[in-house]
PDB file of N, CA and C in Angstrom:
ATOM      1  N   MET A   1      10.075  32.864  37.092  1.00  0.00           N
ATOM      2  CA  MET A   1       9.458  33.178  35.835  1.00  0.00           C
ATOM      3  C   MET A   1      10.471  32.986  34.712  1.00  0.00           C
ATOM      4  N   ILE A   2      10.049  32.301  33.660  1.00  0.00           N
ATOM      5  CA  ILE A   2      10.933  32.033  32.529  1.00  0.00           C
ATOM      6  C   ILE A   2      10.677  33.094  31.467  1.00  0.00           C
ATOM      7  N   THR A   3      11.721  33.707  31.034  1.00  0.00           N
ATOM      8  CA  THR A   3      11.578  34.729  29.995  1.00  0.00           C
ATOM      9  C   THR A   3      12.315  34.288  28.748  1.00  0.00           C
ATOM     10  N   GLY A   4      11.872  34.792  27.607  1.00  0.00           N
ATOM     11  CA  GLY A   4      12.517  34.458  26.345  1.00  0.00           C
ATOM     12  C   GLY A   4      12.066  33.090  25.858  1.00  0.00           C
ATOM     13  N   SER A   5      12.516  32.746  24.690  1.00  0.00           N
ATOM     14  CA  SER A   5      12.144  31.445  24.133  1.00  0.00           C
ATOM     15  C   SER A   5      13.399  30.602  23.967  1.00  0.00           C
ATOM     16  N   ALA A   6      13.283  29.410  24.377  1.00  0.00           N
ATOM     17  CA  ALA A   6      14.400  28.488  24.244  1.00  0.00           C
ATOM     18  C   ALA A   6      14.208  27.669  22.975  1.00  0.00           C
ATOM     19  N   ALA A   7      15.253  27.491  22.239  1.00  0.00           N
ATOM     20  CA  ALA A   7      15.192  26.676  21.028  1.00  0.00           C
ATOM     21  C   ALA A   7      15.039  25.216  21.433  1.00  0.00           C
ATOM     22  N   PRO A   8      14.197  24.483  20.708  1.00  0.00           N
ATOM     23  CA  PRO A   8      14.034  23.072  21.071  1.00  0.00           C
ATOM     24  C   PRO A   8      15.335  22.308  20.853  1.00  0.00           C
ATOM     25  N   ALA A   9      15.580  21.409  21.752  1.00  0.00           N
ATOM     26  CA  ALA A   9      16.788  20.594  21.645  1.00  0.00           C
ATOM     27  C   ALA A   9      16.631  19.609  20.496  1.00  0.00           C
ATOM     28  N   ASN A  10      17.686  19.459  19.737  1.00  0.00           N
ATOM     29  CA  ASN A  10      17.659  18.508  18.632  1.00  0.00           C
ATOM     30  C   ASN A  10      17.790  17.111  19.227  1.00  0.00           C
ATOM     31  N   VAL A  11      16.747  16.315  19.060  1.00  0.00           N
ATOM     32  CA  VAL A  11      16.711  15.009  19.702  1.00  0.00           C
ATOM     33  C   VAL A  11      17.706  14.046  19.062  1.00  0.00           C
ATOM     34  N   VAL A  12      17.771  14.056  17.731  1.00  0.00           N
ATOM     35  CA  VAL A  12      18.663  13.154  17.018  1.00  0.00           C
ATOM     36  C   VAL A  12      19.583  14.009  16.140  1.00  0.00           C
ATOM     37  N   PRO A  13      20.705  14.449  16.671  1.00  0.00           N
ATOM     38  CA  PRO A  13      21.535  15.397  15.926  1.00  0.00           C
ATOM     39  C   PRO A  13      22.135  14.830  14.639  1.00  0.00           C
ATOM     40  N   PHE A  14      22.412  13.529  14.575  1.00  0.00           N
ATOM     41  CA  PHE A  14      23.032  12.993  13.368  1.00  0.00           C
ATOM     42  C   PHE A  14      22.051  12.919  12.195  1.00  0.00           C
ATOM     43  N   LEU A  15      20.742  13.072  12.441  1.00  0.00           N
ATOM     44  CA  LEU A  15      19.761  13.057  11.354  1.00  0.00           C
ATOM     45  C   LEU A  15      19.416  14.464  10.872  1.00  0.00           C
ATOM     46  N   GLU A  16      20.006  15.464  11.475  1.00  0.00           N
ATOM     47  CA  GLU A  16      19.684  16.831  11.115  1.00  0.00           C
ATOM     48  C   GLU A  16      19.989  17.087   9.636  1.00  0.00           C
ATOM     49  N   GLY A  17      18.970  17.460   8.896  1.00  0.00           N
ATOM     50  CA  GLY A  17      19.136  17.736   7.470  1.00  0.00           C
ATOM     51  C   GLY A  17      19.087  16.500   6.595  1.00  0.00           C
ATOM     52  N   ARG A  18      19.000  15.323   7.174  1.00  0.00           N
ATOM     53  CA  ARG A  18      19.002  14.100   6.380  1.00  0.00           C
ATOM     54  C   ARG A  18      17.625  13.453   6.286  1.00  0.00           C
ATOM     55  N   ILE A  19      16.660  13.958   7.016  1.00  0.00           N
ATOM     56  CA  ILE A  19      15.318  13.374   7.011  1.00  0.00           C
ATOM     57  C   ILE A  19      14.719  13.430   5.610  1.00  0.00           C
ATOM     58  N   ASP A  20      14.899  14.554   4.916  1.00  0.00           N
ATOM     59  CA  ASP A  20      14.372  14.672   3.559  1.00  0.00           C
ATOM     60  C   ASP A  20      15.002  13.639   2.636  1.00  0.00           C
ATOM     61  N   MET A  21      16.284  13.412   2.776  1.00  0.00           N
ATOM     62  CA  MET A  21      16.975  12.443   1.935  1.00  0.00           C
ATOM     63  C   MET A  21      16.493  11.024   2.245  1.00  0.00           C
ATOM     64  N   ILE A  22      16.322  10.720   3.523  1.00  0.00           N
ATOM     65  CA  ILE A  22      15.828   9.394   3.905  1.00  0.00           C
ATOM     66  C   ILE A  22      14.440   9.180   3.346  1.00  0.00           C
ATOM     67  N   PHE A  23      13.582  10.196   3.469  1.00  0.00           N
ATOM     68  CA  PHE A  23      12.227  10.086   2.947  1.00  0.00           C
ATOM     69  C   PHE A  23      12.236   9.896   1.438  1.00  0.00           C
ATOM     70  N   MET A  24      13.024  10.673   0.736  1.00  0.00           N
ATOM     71  CA  MET A  24      13.021  10.653  -0.725  1.00  0.00           C
ATOM     72  C   MET A  24      13.571   9.341  -1.284  1.00  0.00           C
ATOM     73  N   PHE A  25      14.584   8.779  -0.674  1.00  0.00           N
ATOM     74  CA  PHE A  25      15.231   7.599  -1.243  1.00  0.00           C
ATOM     75  C   PHE A  25      14.732   6.270  -0.687  1.00  0.00           C
ATOM     76  N   PHE A  26      14.070   6.268   0.460  1.00  0.00           N
ATOM     77  CA  PHE A  26      13.647   5.001   1.047  1.00  0.00           C
ATOM     78  C   PHE A  26      12.129   4.884   1.191  1.00  0.00           C
ATOM     79  N   ILE A  27      11.520   5.858   1.802  1.00  0.00           N
ATOM     80  CA  ILE A  27      10.099   5.741   2.104  1.00  0.00           C
ATOM     81  C   ILE A  27       9.231   6.040   0.897  1.00  0.00           C
ATOM     82  N   LEU A  28       9.536   7.061   0.155  1.00  0.00           N
ATOM     83  CA  LEU A  28       8.728   7.432  -1.011  1.00  0.00           C
ATOM     84  C   LEU A  28       8.655   6.318  -2.055  1.00  0.00           C
ATOM     85  N   PRO A  29       9.756   5.649  -2.420  1.00  0.00           N
ATOM     86  CA  PRO A  29       9.636   4.537  -3.375  1.00  0.00           C
ATOM     87  C   PRO A  29       8.779   3.380  -2.858  1.00  0.00           C
ATOM     88  N   ILE A  30       8.830   3.113  -1.574  1.00  0.00           N
ATOM     89  CA  ILE A  30       7.999   2.049  -1.007  1.00  0.00           C
ATOM     90  C   ILE A  30       6.526   2.420  -1.113  1.00  0.00           C
ATOM     91  N   VAL A  31       6.190   3.657  -0.812  1.00  0.00           N
ATOM     92  CA  VAL A  31       4.804   4.117  -0.898  1.00  0.00           C
ATOM     93  C   VAL A  31       4.319   4.084  -2.341  1.00  0.00           C
ATOM     94  N   ILE A  32       5.147   4.510  -3.276  1.00  0.00           N
ATOM     95  CA  ILE A  32       4.769   4.499  -4.694  1.00  0.00           C
ATOM     96  C   ILE A  32       4.549   3.070  -5.175  1.00  0.00           C
ATOM     97  N   CYS A  33       5.438   2.151  -4.812  1.00  0.00           N
ATOM     98  CA  CYS A  33       5.265   0.744  -5.210  1.00  0.00           C
ATOM     99  C   CYS A  33       3.999   0.148  -4.606  1.00  0.00           C
ATOM    100  N   ALA A  34       3.684   0.487  -3.373  1.00  0.00           N
ATOM    101  CA  ALA A  34       2.466  -0.017  -2.737  1.00  0.00           C
ATOM    102  C   ALA A  34       1.229   0.494  -3.454  1.00  0.00           C
ATOM    103  N   CYS A  35       1.229   1.763  -3.860  1.00  0.00           N
ATOM    104  CA  CYS A  35       0.089   2.320  -4.603  1.00  0.00           C
ATOM    105  C   CYS A  35      -0.060   1.652  -5.960  1.00  0.00           C
ATOM    106  N   ILE A  36       1.039   1.434  -6.640  1.00  0.00           N
ATOM    107  CA  ILE A  36       0.992   0.763  -7.950  1.00  0.00           C
ATOM    108  C   ILE A  36       0.473  -0.663  -7.787  1.00  0.00           C
ATOM    109  N   PHE A  37       0.904  -1.356  -6.743  1.00  0.00           N
ATOM    110  CA  PHE A  37       0.447  -2.721  -6.489  1.00  0.00           C
ATOM    111  C   PHE A  37      -1.058  -2.771  -6.230  1.00  0.00           C
ATOM    112  N   ARG A  38      -1.565  -1.816  -5.443  1.00  0.00           N
ATOM    113  CA  ARG A  38      -3.010  -1.761  -5.167  1.00  0.00           C
ATOM    114  C   ARG A  38      -3.799  -1.480  -6.432  1.00  0.00           C
ATOM    115  N   ILE A  39      -3.332  -0.557  -7.252  1.00  0.00           N
ATOM    116  CA  ILE A  39      -4.025  -0.244  -8.509  1.00  0.00           C
ATOM    117  C   ILE A  39      -4.004  -1.450  -9.434  1.00  0.00           C
ATOM    118  N   TRP A  40      -2.864  -2.134  -9.520  1.00  0.00           N
ATOM    119  CA  TRP A  40      -2.777  -3.330 -10.363  1.00  0.00           C
ATOM    120  C   TRP A  40      -3.744  -4.402  -9.882  1.00  0.00           C
ATOM    121  N   ALA A  41      -3.837  -4.599  -8.558  1.00  0.00           N
ATOM    122  CA  ALA A  41      -4.747  -5.610  -8.020  1.00  0.00           C
ATOM    123  C   ALA A  41      -6.195  -5.263  -8.352  1.00  0.00           C
ATOM    124  N   LEU A  42      -6.564  -3.996  -8.270  1.00  0.00           N
ATOM    125  CA  LEU A  42      -7.920  -3.582  -8.625  1.00  0.00           C
ATOM    126  C   LEU A  42      -8.210  -3.815 -10.101  1.00  0.00           C
ATOM    127  N   VAL A  43      -7.273  -3.442 -10.962  1.00  0.00           N
ATOM    128  CA  VAL A  43      -7.466  -3.632 -12.407  1.00  0.00           C
ATOM    129  C   VAL A  43      -7.533  -5.119 -12.733  1.00  0.00           C
ATOM    130  N   ASP A  44      -6.681  -5.926 -12.126  1.00  0.00           N
ATOM    131  CA  ASP A  44      -6.700  -7.365 -12.355  1.00  0.00           C
ATOM    132  C   ASP A  44      -8.035  -7.962 -11.911  1.00  0.00           C
ATOM    133  N   CYS A  45      -8.533  -7.513 -10.794  1.00  0.00           N
ATOM    134  CA  CYS A  45      -9.819  -8.007 -10.298  1.00  0.00           C
ATOM    135  C   CYS A  45     -10.951  -7.584 -11.227  1.00  0.00           C
ATOM    136  N   LEU A  46     -10.931  -6.357 -11.696  1.00  0.00           N
ATOM    137  CA  LEU A  46     -11.992  -5.870 -12.588  1.00  0.00           C
ATOM    138  C   LEU A  46     -11.999  -6.583 -13.929  1.00  0.00           C
ATOM    139  N   THR A  47     -10.839  -6.871 -14.456  1.00  0.00           N
ATOM    140  CA  THR A  47     -10.771  -7.414 -15.814  1.00  0.00           C
ATOM    141  C   THR A  47     -10.806  -8.934 -15.869  1.00  0.00           C
ATOM    142  N   LYS A  48     -10.348  -9.621 -14.827  1.00  0.00           N
ATOM    143  CA  LYS A  48     -10.201 -11.071 -14.937  1.00  0.00           C
ATOM    144  C   LYS A  48     -11.038 -11.884 -13.972  1.00  0.00           C
ATOM    145  N   GLU A  49     -11.632 -11.252 -12.993  1.00  0.00           N
ATOM    146  CA  GLU A  49     -12.448 -11.988 -12.025  1.00  0.00           C
ATOM    147  C   GLU A  49     -13.769 -12.379 -12.677  1.00  0.00           C
ATOM    148  N   SER A  50     -14.263 -13.561 -12.354  1.00  0.00           N
ATOM    149  CA  SER A  50     -15.507 -14.029 -12.961  1.00  0.00           C
ATOM    150  C   SER A  50     -16.676 -13.168 -12.490  1.00  0.00           C
ATOM    151  N   ASP A  51     -17.644 -13.000 -13.375  1.00  0.00           N
ATOM    152  CA  ASP A  51     -18.801 -12.170 -13.060  1.00  0.00           C
ATOM    153  C   ASP A  51     -19.866 -12.931 -12.283  1.00  0.00           C
ATOM    154  N   THR A  52     -19.739 -14.242 -12.205  1.00  0.00           N
ATOM    155  CA  THR A  52     -20.730 -15.031 -11.488  1.00  0.00           C
ATOM    156  C   THR A  52     -20.486 -14.936  -9.992  1.00  0.00           C
ATOM    157  N   GLY A  53     -21.540 -14.882  -9.241  1.00  0.00           N
ATOM    158  CA  GLY A  53     -21.410 -14.784  -7.791  1.00  0.00           C
ATOM    159  C   GLY A  53     -21.042 -13.387  -7.361  1.00  0.00           C
ATOM    160  N   LYS A  54     -20.683 -13.272  -6.125  1.00  0.00           N
ATOM    161  CA  LYS A  54     -20.363 -11.955  -5.573  1.00  0.00           C
ATOM    162  C   LYS A  54     -18.893 -11.817  -5.229  1.00  0.00           C
ATOM    163  N   THR A  55     -18.053 -12.682  -5.782  1.00  0.00           N
ATOM    164  CA  THR A  55     -16.630 -12.617  -5.438  1.00  0.00           C
ATOM    165  C   THR A  55     -15.987 -11.336  -5.959  1.00  0.00           C
ATOM    166  N   GLU A  56     -16.373 -10.915  -7.153  1.00  0.00           N
ATOM    167  CA  GLU A  56     -15.773  -9.709  -7.719  1.00  0.00           C
ATOM    168  C   GLU A  56     -16.110  -8.492  -6.856  1.00  0.00           C
ATOM    169  N   ILE A  57     -17.363  -8.381  -6.434  1.00  0.00           N
ATOM    170  CA  ILE A  57     -17.768  -7.249  -5.598  1.00  0.00           C
ATOM    171  C   ILE A  57     -17.035  -7.288  -4.258  1.00  0.00           C
ATOM    172  N   ALA A  58     -16.912  -8.471  -3.698  1.00  0.00           N
ATOM    173  CA  ALA A  58     -16.220  -8.599  -2.410  1.00  0.00           C
ATOM    174  C   ALA A  58     -14.767  -8.176  -2.527  1.00  0.00           C
ATOM    175  N   TRP A  59     -14.084  -8.615  -3.586  1.00  0.00           N
ATOM    176  CA  TRP A  59     -12.682  -8.237  -3.759  1.00  0.00           C
ATOM    177  C   TRP A  59     -12.542  -6.763  -4.102  1.00  0.00           C
ATOM    178  N   LEU A  60     -13.497  -6.209  -4.854  1.00  0.00           N
ATOM    179  CA  LEU A  60     -13.430  -4.777  -5.178  1.00  0.00           C
ATOM    180  C   LEU A  60     -13.626  -3.917  -3.937  1.00  0.00           C
ATOM    181  N   LEU A  61     -14.274  -4.446  -2.937  1.00  0.00           N
ATOM    182  CA  LEU A  61     -14.387  -3.727  -1.666  1.00  0.00           C
ATOM    183  C   LEU A  61     -13.191  -4.011  -0.758  1.00  0.00           C
ATOM    184  N   ALA A  62     -12.713  -5.236  -0.767  1.00  0.00           N
ATOM    185  CA  ALA A  62     -11.628  -5.622   0.145  1.00  0.00           C
ATOM    186  C   ALA A  62     -10.299  -4.971  -0.224  1.00  0.00           C
ATOM    187  N   ILE A  63      -9.998  -4.872  -1.499  1.00  0.00           N
ATOM    188  CA  ILE A  63      -8.691  -4.340  -1.909  1.00  0.00           C
ATOM    189  C   ILE A  63      -8.510  -2.881  -1.488  1.00  0.00           C
ATOM    190  N   PRO A  64      -9.444  -1.987  -1.801  1.00  0.00           N
ATOM    191  CA  PRO A  64      -9.215  -0.596  -1.371  1.00  0.00           C
ATOM    192  C   PRO A  64      -9.395  -0.372   0.134  1.00  0.00           C
ATOM    193  N   LEU A  65     -10.302  -1.108   0.760  1.00  0.00           N
ATOM    194  CA  LEU A  65     -10.562  -0.873   2.177  1.00  0.00           C
ATOM    195  C   LEU A  65      -9.478  -1.453   3.079  1.00  0.00           C
ATOM    196  N   ALA A  66      -8.829  -2.510   2.654  1.00  0.00           N
ATOM    197  CA  ALA A  66      -7.784  -3.126   3.468  1.00  0.00           C
ATOM    198  C   ALA A  66      -6.386  -2.688   3.028  1.00  0.00           C
ATOM    199  N   HIS A  67      -6.319  -1.744   2.124  1.00  0.00           N
ATOM    200  CA  HIS A  67      -5.060  -1.169   1.634  1.00  0.00           C
ATOM    201  C   HIS A  67      -4.124  -2.243   1.101  1.00  0.00           C
ATOM    202  N   ILE A  68      -2.871  -2.194   1.481  1.00  0.00           N
ATOM    203  CA  ILE A  68      -1.878  -3.105   0.919  1.00  0.00           C
ATOM    204  C   ILE A  68      -2.123  -4.541   1.383  1.00  0.00           C
ATOM    205  N   VAL A  69      -2.707  -4.720   2.556  1.00  0.00           N
ATOM    206  CA  VAL A  69      -2.999  -6.066   3.051  1.00  0.00           C
ATOM    207  C   VAL A  69      -4.059  -6.727   2.173  1.00  0.00           C
ATOM    208  N   GLY A  70      -5.087  -5.980   1.794  1.00  0.00           N
ATOM    209  CA  GLY A  70      -6.128  -6.524   0.922  1.00  0.00           C
ATOM    210  C   GLY A  70      -5.585  -6.913  -0.437  1.00  0.00           C
ATOM    211  N   ALA A  71      -4.706  -6.078  -0.991  1.00  0.00           N
ATOM    212  CA  ALA A  71      -4.098  -6.384  -2.288  1.00  0.00           C
ATOM    213  C   ALA A  71      -3.183  -7.609  -2.178  1.00  0.00           C
ATOM    214  N   ALA A  72      -2.461  -7.729  -1.087  1.00  0.00           N
ATOM    215  CA  ALA A  72      -1.574  -8.883  -0.901  1.00  0.00           C
ATOM    216  C   ALA A  72      -2.382 -10.173  -0.736  1.00  0.00           C
ATOM    217  N   ILE A  73      -3.482 -10.111   0.010  1.00  0.00           N
ATOM    218  CA  ILE A  73      -4.330 -11.295   0.158  1.00  0.00           C
ATOM    219  C   ILE A  73      -4.908 -11.698  -1.191  1.00  0.00           C
ATOM    220  N   TYR A  74      -5.346 -10.707  -1.962  1.00  0.00           N
ATOM    221  CA  TYR A  74      -5.871 -11.005  -3.295  1.00  0.00           C
ATOM    222  C   TYR A  74      -4.797 -11.680  -4.151  1.00  0.00           C
ATOM    223  N   TYR A  75      -3.586 -11.145  -4.119  1.00  0.00           N
ATOM    224  CA  TYR A  75      -2.506 -11.665  -4.964  1.00  0.00           C
ATOM    225  C   TYR A  75      -2.079 -13.069  -4.556  1.00  0.00           C
ATOM    226  N   PHE A  76      -1.936 -13.314  -3.256  1.00  0.00           N
ATOM    227  CA  PHE A  76      -1.400 -14.598  -2.809  1.00  0.00           C
ATOM    228  C   PHE A  76      -2.464 -15.669  -2.583  1.00  0.00           C
ATOM    229  N   VAL A  77      -3.735 -15.288  -2.388  1.00  0.00           N
ATOM    230  CA  VAL A  77      -4.773 -16.274  -2.110  1.00  0.00           C
ATOM    231  C   VAL A  77      -5.719 -16.429  -3.296  1.00  0.00           C
ATOM    232  N   ARG A  78      -6.361 -15.359  -3.699  1.00  0.00           N
ATOM    233  CA  ARG A  78      -7.405 -15.458  -4.713  1.00  0.00           C
ATOM    234  C   ARG A  78      -6.850 -15.648  -6.122  1.00  0.00           C
ATOM    235  N   ARG A  79      -5.794 -14.979  -6.470  1.00  0.00           N
ATOM    236  CA  ARG A  79      -5.273 -15.056  -7.833  1.00  0.00           C
ATOM    237  C   ARG A  79      -4.849 -16.475  -8.214  1.00  0.00           C
ATOM    238  N   PRO A  80      -4.073 -17.192  -7.393  1.00  0.00           N
ATOM    239  CA  PRO A  80      -3.748 -18.582  -7.743  1.00  0.00           C
ATOM    240  C   PRO A  80      -4.997 -19.476  -7.795  1.00  0.00           C
ATOM    241  N   GLN A  81      -5.950 -19.206  -6.911  1.00  0.00           N
ATOM    242  CA  GLN A  81      -7.192 -19.962  -6.913  1.00  0.00           C
ATOM    243  C   GLN A  81      -7.965 -19.718  -8.214  1.00  0.00           C
ATOM    244  N   ARG A  82      -8.007 -18.474  -8.658  1.00  0.00           N
ATOM    245  CA  ARG A  82      -8.681 -18.131  -9.907  1.00  0.00           C
ATOM    246  C   ARG A  82      -7.976 -18.765 -11.099  1.00  0.00           C
ATOM    247  N   HIS A  83      -6.652 -18.776 -11.099  1.00  0.00           N
ATOM    248  CA  HIS A  83      -5.902 -19.424 -12.186  1.00  0.00           C
ATOM    249  C   HIS A  83      -6.216 -20.913 -12.251  1.00  0.00           C
ATOM    250  N   ALA A  84      -6.367 -21.540 -11.102  1.00  0.00           N
ATOM    251  CA  ALA A  84      -6.688 -22.976 -11.093  1.00  0.00           C
ATOM    252  C   ALA A  84      -8.114 -23.225 -11.575  1.00  0.00           C
ATOM    253  N   GLU A  85      -9.045 -22.349 -11.211  1.00  0.00           N
ATOM    254  CA  GLU A  85     -10.447 -22.531 -11.601  1.00  0.00           C
ATOM    255  C   GLU A  85     -10.720 -22.135 -13.045  1.00  0.00           C
ATOM    256  N   LEU A  86     -10.287 -20.951 -13.408  1.00  0.00           N
ATOM    257  CA  LEU A  86     -10.655 -20.387 -14.710  1.00  0.00           C
ATOM    258  C   LEU A  86      -9.546 -20.433 -15.746  1.00  0.00           C
ATOM    259  N   GLY A  87      -8.326 -20.553 -15.318  1.00  0.00           N
ATOM    260  CA  GLY A  87      -7.205 -20.568 -16.248  1.00  0.00           C
ATOM    261  C   GLY A  87      -6.844 -19.186 -16.770  1.00  0.00           C
ATOM    262  N   ARG A  88      -7.261 -18.150 -16.071  1.00  0.00           N
ATOM    263  CA  ARG A  88      -6.879 -16.785 -16.490  1.00  0.00           C
ATOM    264  C   ARG A  88      -6.535 -15.928 -15.317  1.00  0.00           C
TER     265      ARG A  88
END
């Protein structure tokens, strides 16, 4: 029979107390930039995408539902195509 409580073993001792610093300086800025990029892609799609056809609706659904991948596809595929077609 085991009595008392054993403290959990620290799996990665060199990271003890540094996880918050790693999160604050590396991961948090990446997440913030990704959110800003998604918002910019949505605003760009709303303001500059042509109203003809259903492309605007499709992109307005694809960008938020596919997260950063949807925004990246919009930026690298649709945006240059739109610039070539419409000039804006």
